[in-house]
Amino acid sequence: MKLFRFDGGRIGIERDGSAFDITDALGIDINAWPPVQTVQLIADFDHRIPSIEKHAKTRPIDLAQVRLEVPIAWPNKLLAYPVNYVKHGLEMKSKNRADLNGFFLKANSSLSGPNDPIVLPDLPGREIHHECELGIVIGKGGKNISRADAYDHVFGYACLIDMVVRGNEERVMRKSYDTFCPFGPWIVTADEVPDPANLQARLWVNDELRQNANTRDLIVDIPEMIEIASRVATLYPGDIIATGTPEGVGPVQRGDRVRIAIDHVGEMTLDVQ
């Protein structure tokens, strides 16, 4: 199943090639603030399945005719792991590694959707790079989650681009500009991803393939990411974990088009402004 947001915060699902608006059937108030409707649905998803199964097909929609938005607008946390591929560490000449440095946070407000542009800040002389990553969405929260149990806490996966200004400021600041975390185009539930430890992820800029790597090459794999993070901070439904980027990062400029595609997860193309 794919879970997505569209047209001003409405929530839909896609299954077996057909898409449906489940907003009204589940009594979801799209005008409520803060916009945690998707988080609430994920937290209560198992209990909502009967209602989804009963009412979902009452309002079919055409995905090609709606505007997809960021699937989760207001997570409790947006975590990310630095230098989680050996070759990326080599290209950056970095002494950091995910297994040594742990995770960092990006501002939740950096999240943007598959139809939003990446808006570059006005920083003359500074390079702003793309980073192709897999986004992990937590479904069942917990503290001190063991590696063996980690996948039981995953709701699903999405494409994620971790944009960054290169420089000496704190990493969190350089990665937290608005629109610096494109995420989507939907969340694919975990049951539809056959092997998250073997996903090919690619990123193009203006049709030039720049990044092409597999999650099997992660230094800290998905279960360990969840284990490490939950030792420090309780994970909640809807929390997003970014896996870290492979080699091939590089600058983008206004007018570029950036495309990310991850096997079994999806793809999205974004304009750079």
Protein backbone atom coordinates (compact mmCIF):
# COMPACT_ATOMS: atom_id res chain seq x y z
CA MET A 1 0.00 0.00 0.00
CA LYS A 2 1.07 3.57 -0.66
CA LEU A 3 -0.01 6.32 1.73
CA PHE A 4 0.06 9.89 0.44
CA ARG A 5 -1.15 13.45 1.03
CA PHE A 6 -2.64 15.59 -1.71
CA ASP A 7 -4.66 18.69 -2.57
CA GLY A 8 -4.38 20.64 0.68
CA GLY A 9 -3.76 17.86 3.17
CA ARG A 10 -6.22 15.19 2.07
CA ILE A 11 -4.99 11.63 2.64
CA GLY A 12 -5.13 8.82 0.13
CA ILE A 13 -4.00 5.28 -0.41
CA GLU A 14 -2.98 3.37 -3.52
CA ARG A 15 -3.28 -0.38 -3.78
CA ASP A 16 -3.04 -2.70 -6.80
CA GLY A 17 -2.86 0.25 -9.16
CA SER A 18 -5.98 2.01 -7.86
CA ALA A 19 -5.99 5.13 -5.68
CA PHE A 20 -8.64 6.29 -3.21
CA ASP A 21 -9.31 9.32 -1.01
CA ILE A 22 -9.82 8.06 2.57
CA THR A 23 -10.03 11.49 4.26
CA ASP A 24 -13.76 11.71 4.83
CA ALA A 25 -14.23 7.99 5.42
CA LEU A 26 -11.84 8.16 8.38
CA GLY A 27 -13.14 11.49 9.68
CA ILE A 28 -9.83 13.26 9.15
CA ASP A 29 -9.91 17.04 9.68
CA ILE A 30 -7.50 18.48 7.13
CA ASN A 31 -7.77 21.95 8.69
CA ALA A 32 -6.60 20.91 12.17
CA TRP A 33 -3.41 22.49 13.50
CA PRO A 34 -0.70 21.33 13.85
CA PRO A 35 -0.87 19.22 10.66
CA VAL A 36 -0.26 15.84 12.27
CA GLN A 37 -3.05 13.97 10.50
CA THR A 38 -0.71 11.49 8.81
CA VAL A 39 1.20 10.93 12.05
CA GLN A 40 -2.06 10.17 13.86
CA LEU A 41 -3.11 7.77 11.12
CA ILE A 42 0.22 5.93 11.23
CA ALA A 43 0.05 5.69 15.03
CA ASP A 44 -3.40 4.11 14.83
CA PHE A 45 -2.98 2.35 11.50
CA ASP A 46 -3.61 -1.23 12.62
CA HIS A 47 -6.91 -0.20 14.22
CA ARG A 48 -7.87 1.84 11.16
CA ILE A 49 -7.30 -0.97 8.65
CA PRO A 50 -10.89 -2.33 8.92
CA SER A 51 -12.31 1.14 8.20
CA ILE A 52 -9.88 1.63 5.34
CA GLU A 53 -10.84 -1.74 3.87
CA LYS A 54 -14.56 -1.00 4.28
CA HIS A 55 -14.70 2.56 3.01
CA ALA A 56 -11.59 3.16 0.89
CA LYS A 57 -13.11 2.39 -2.48
CA THR A 58 -16.00 4.79 -2.02
CA ARG A 59 -14.00 7.70 -3.41
CA PRO A 60 -11.58 6.73 -6.22
CA ILE A 61 -9.14 9.33 -7.49
CA ASP A 62 -6.73 9.65 -10.40
CA LEU A 63 -3.20 10.17 -9.08
CA ALA A 64 -2.28 11.94 -12.31
CA GLN A 65 -4.93 14.58 -11.65
CA VAL A 66 -4.07 15.53 -8.06
CA ARG A 67 -1.18 17.47 -6.53
CA LEU A 68 0.85 15.20 -4.28
CA GLU A 69 2.24 16.85 -1.14
CA VAL A 70 4.81 15.87 1.47
CA PRO A 71 3.39 12.67 3.06
CA ILE A 72 4.29 13.71 6.61
CA ALA A 73 4.15 17.43 7.30
CA TRP A 74 4.85 17.47 11.05
CA PRO A 75 6.83 14.51 12.44
CA ASN A 76 8.03 14.50 16.00
CA LYS A 77 11.60 14.01 14.75
CA LEU A 78 13.59 14.05 11.53
CA LEU A 79 16.85 12.15 12.13
CA ALA A 80 19.75 11.60 9.75
CA TYR A 81 23.01 9.69 9.73
CA PRO A 82 26.19 11.29 8.36
CA VAL A 83 28.78 9.52 6.19
CA ASN A 84 27.05 6.16 6.07
CA TYR A 85 28.75 4.92 2.89
CA VAL A 86 32.51 4.35 2.81
CA LYS A 87 32.97 5.86 -0.67
CA HIS A 88 31.09 9.01 0.32
CA GLY A 89 33.49 9.44 3.25
CA LEU A 90 36.42 9.11 0.86
CA GLU A 91 35.04 11.63 -1.63
CA MET A 92 34.46 14.15 1.17
CA LYS A 93 37.81 13.39 2.83
CA SER A 94 35.81 13.14 6.06
CA LYS A 95 36.86 11.53 9.31
CA ASN A 96 33.21 11.30 10.34
CA ARG A 97 31.32 8.02 10.06
CA ALA A 98 27.80 7.05 11.03
CA ASP A 99 29.08 4.26 13.29
CA LEU A 100 31.34 6.72 15.12
CA ASN A 101 29.29 9.92 15.17
CA GLY A 102 25.71 8.71 15.45
CA PHE A 103 22.80 10.76 14.13
CA PHE A 104 21.96 14.44 13.84
CA LEU A 105 18.67 16.33 13.44
CA LYS A 106 17.27 18.36 10.58
CA ALA A 107 14.56 20.94 11.17
CA ASN A 108 11.11 19.47 10.48
CA SER A 109 10.33 22.64 8.56
CA SER A 110 12.89 21.62 5.92
CA LEU A 111 10.45 18.95 4.68
CA SER A 112 8.89 19.55 1.28
CA GLY A 113 6.88 17.46 -1.15
CA PRO A 114 7.29 15.95 -4.62
CA ASN A 115 5.74 18.95 -6.36
CA ASP A 116 7.56 21.63 -4.37
CA PRO A 117 10.71 23.26 -5.75
CA ILE A 118 14.04 23.14 -3.96
CA VAL A 119 14.58 26.82 -3.15
CA LEU A 120 18.24 27.75 -2.81
CA PRO A 121 19.17 30.42 -0.27
CA ASP A 122 21.03 33.47 -1.50
CA LEU A 123 24.56 32.51 -0.49
CA PRO A 124 27.00 33.80 -3.13
CA GLY A 125 30.12 31.69 -3.47
CA ARG A 126 28.72 28.74 -1.51
CA GLU A 127 28.08 25.29 -2.97
CA ILE A 128 24.75 23.61 -2.25
CA HIS A 129 24.77 19.85 -2.77
CA HIS A 130 22.21 17.11 -3.30
CA GLU A 131 22.31 13.91 -1.24
CA CYS A 132 20.25 10.88 -2.32
CA GLU A 133 18.83 8.93 0.62
CA LEU A 134 16.20 6.43 1.69
CA GLY A 135 13.68 7.72 4.23
CA ILE A 136 12.53 5.29 6.93
CA VAL A 137 9.18 6.00 8.58
CA ILE A 138 8.61 4.69 12.10
CA GLY A 139 5.25 3.00 12.65
CA LYS A 140 5.47 1.67 16.19
CA GLY A 141 7.31 3.84 18.67
CA GLY A 142 9.68 2.66 21.34
CA LYS A 143 12.75 3.15 23.47
CA ASN A 144 15.84 0.90 23.45
CA ILE A 145 14.58 -1.04 20.45
CA SER A 146 16.76 -4.06 19.76
CA ARG A 147 18.26 -4.79 16.37
CA ALA A 148 16.27 -8.00 16.22
CA ASP A 149 12.99 -6.10 16.67
CA ALA A 150 13.84 -3.04 14.60
CA TYR A 151 11.94 -3.90 11.42
CA ASP A 152 8.78 -4.45 13.50
CA HIS A 153 8.87 -0.71 14.19
CA VAL A 154 9.04 0.38 10.53
CA PHE A 155 5.85 1.61 8.91
CA GLY A 156 7.33 2.21 5.47
CA TYR A 157 9.81 3.94 3.22
CA ALA A 158 10.04 6.99 0.95
CA CYS A 159 12.52 8.81 -1.26
CA LEU A 160 14.42 11.58 0.52
CA ILE A 161 16.90 14.20 -0.65
CA ASP A 162 19.09 15.73 2.03
CA MET A 163 20.14 19.12 0.66
CA VAL A 164 23.13 20.80 2.30
CA VAL A 165 25.13 24.01 2.12
CA ARG A 166 28.82 23.13 2.24
CA GLY A 167 30.77 25.10 4.84
CA ASN A 168 31.88 25.35 8.44
CA GLU A 169 28.61 26.15 10.19
CA GLU A 170 26.92 23.48 12.28
CA ARG A 171 25.63 20.64 10.10
CA VAL A 172 22.09 21.07 11.43
CA MET A 173 22.02 24.69 10.30
CA ARG A 174 23.43 23.97 6.85
CA LYS A 175 20.84 21.24 6.24
CA SER A 176 17.75 22.92 7.70
CA TYR A 177 16.80 25.57 5.15
CA ASP A 178 13.19 25.41 4.02
CA THR A 179 12.71 22.85 1.18
CA PHE A 180 16.03 21.17 2.04
CA CYS A 181 14.38 17.80 2.68
CA PRO A 182 12.25 16.73 -0.29
CA PHE A 183 10.37 13.63 0.86
CA GLY A 184 7.90 11.41 -0.98
CA PRO A 185 6.17 11.06 -3.31
CA TRP A 186 4.37 8.71 -0.91
CA ILE A 187 5.16 6.26 1.86
CA VAL A 188 5.33 2.66 0.67
CA THR A 189 4.33 0.36 3.52
CA ALA A 190 6.99 -2.05 4.69
CA ASP A 191 5.15 -5.12 3.44
CA GLU A 192 5.60 -3.92 -0.16
CA VAL A 193 9.38 -3.59 0.06
CA PRO A 194 10.82 -7.10 -0.38
CA ASP A 195 14.30 -6.40 0.99
CA PRO A 196 15.11 -2.94 2.41
CA ALA A 197 18.72 -4.09 2.82
CA ASN A 198 18.99 -4.40 -0.98
CA LEU A 199 17.49 -1.28 -2.54
CA GLN A 200 19.13 0.51 -5.45
CA ALA A 201 18.92 4.30 -5.15
CA ARG A 202 19.77 6.72 -7.95
CA LEU A 203 19.85 10.49 -8.40
CA TRP A 204 20.14 12.53 -11.57
CA VAL A 205 20.71 16.24 -12.16
CA ASN A 206 19.49 17.36 -15.58
CA ASP A 207 19.51 13.72 -16.77
CA GLU A 208 23.12 13.21 -15.63
CA LEU A 209 23.31 10.21 -13.31
CA ARG A 210 25.31 11.34 -10.28
CA GLN A 211 24.49 8.85 -7.53
CA ASN A 212 23.87 5.12 -7.87
CA ALA A 213 24.26 2.88 -4.84
CA ASN A 214 22.61 0.13 -2.83
CA THR A 215 21.49 0.00 0.79
CA ARG A 216 23.49 -3.22 1.22
CA ASP A 217 26.58 -0.97 1.33
CA LEU A 218 25.43 1.09 4.32
CA ILE A 219 27.96 1.24 7.15
CA VAL A 220 25.17 1.39 9.74
CA ASP A 221 22.27 -0.63 8.37
CA ILE A 222 18.59 0.05 8.95
CA PRO A 223 18.12 -2.10 12.08
CA GLU A 224 21.22 -0.58 13.69
CA MET A 225 20.06 2.95 12.86
CA ILE A 226 16.83 2.29 14.73
CA GLU A 227 18.66 0.65 17.60
CA ILE A 228 21.16 3.52 17.97
CA ALA A 229 18.54 6.27 17.69
CA SER A 230 16.16 4.66 20.17
CA ARG A 231 18.89 4.33 22.79
CA VAL A 232 19.02 8.12 22.89
CA ALA A 233 15.53 9.32 21.99
CA THR A 234 12.19 7.59 22.19
CA LEU A 235 10.97 7.01 18.64
CA TYR A 236 7.38 7.92 17.83
CA PRO A 237 5.05 6.98 14.97
CA GLY A 238 5.75 9.16 11.97
CA ASP A 239 9.37 9.86 12.89
CA ILE A 240 11.60 9.92 9.82
CA ILE A 241 15.14 8.55 9.64
CA ALA A 242 17.39 9.44 6.69
CA THR A 243 19.90 6.70 5.95
CA GLY A 244 22.81 8.81 4.73
CA THR A 245 24.01 9.37 1.18
CA PRO A 246 26.34 7.42 -1.12
CA GLU A 247 29.16 8.85 -3.20
CA GLY A 248 28.47 11.22 -6.08
CA VAL A 249 27.18 14.28 -4.23
CA GLY A 250 27.56 17.53 -6.09
CA PRO A 251 26.32 21.08 -6.56
CA VAL A 252 22.98 22.18 -7.95
CA GLN A 253 22.08 25.53 -9.45
CA ARG A 254 18.87 27.44 -10.04
CA GLY A 255 17.19 26.04 -13.13
CA ASP A 256 18.37 22.46 -12.56
CA ARG A 257 16.03 19.49 -12.29
CA VAL A 258 16.81 16.82 -9.72
CA ARG A 259 15.34 13.32 -9.99
CA ILE A 260 15.56 10.61 -7.34
CA ALA A 261 14.42 7.00 -7.81
CA ILE A 262 14.58 4.09 -5.37
CA ASP A 263 13.59 0.55 -6.36
CA HIS A 264 10.24 -0.60 -4.88
CA VAL A 265 9.78 2.84 -3.27
CA GLY A 266 9.16 5.43 -5.97
CA GLU A 267 10.64 8.45 -7.69
CA MET A 268 10.18 12.19 -7.88
CA THR A 269 11.59 15.05 -9.95
CA LEU A 270 12.05 18.52 -8.48
CA ASP A 271 12.84 21.93 -9.93
CA VAL A 272 15.64 23.95 -8.34
CA GLN A 273 14.88 27.65 -7.84
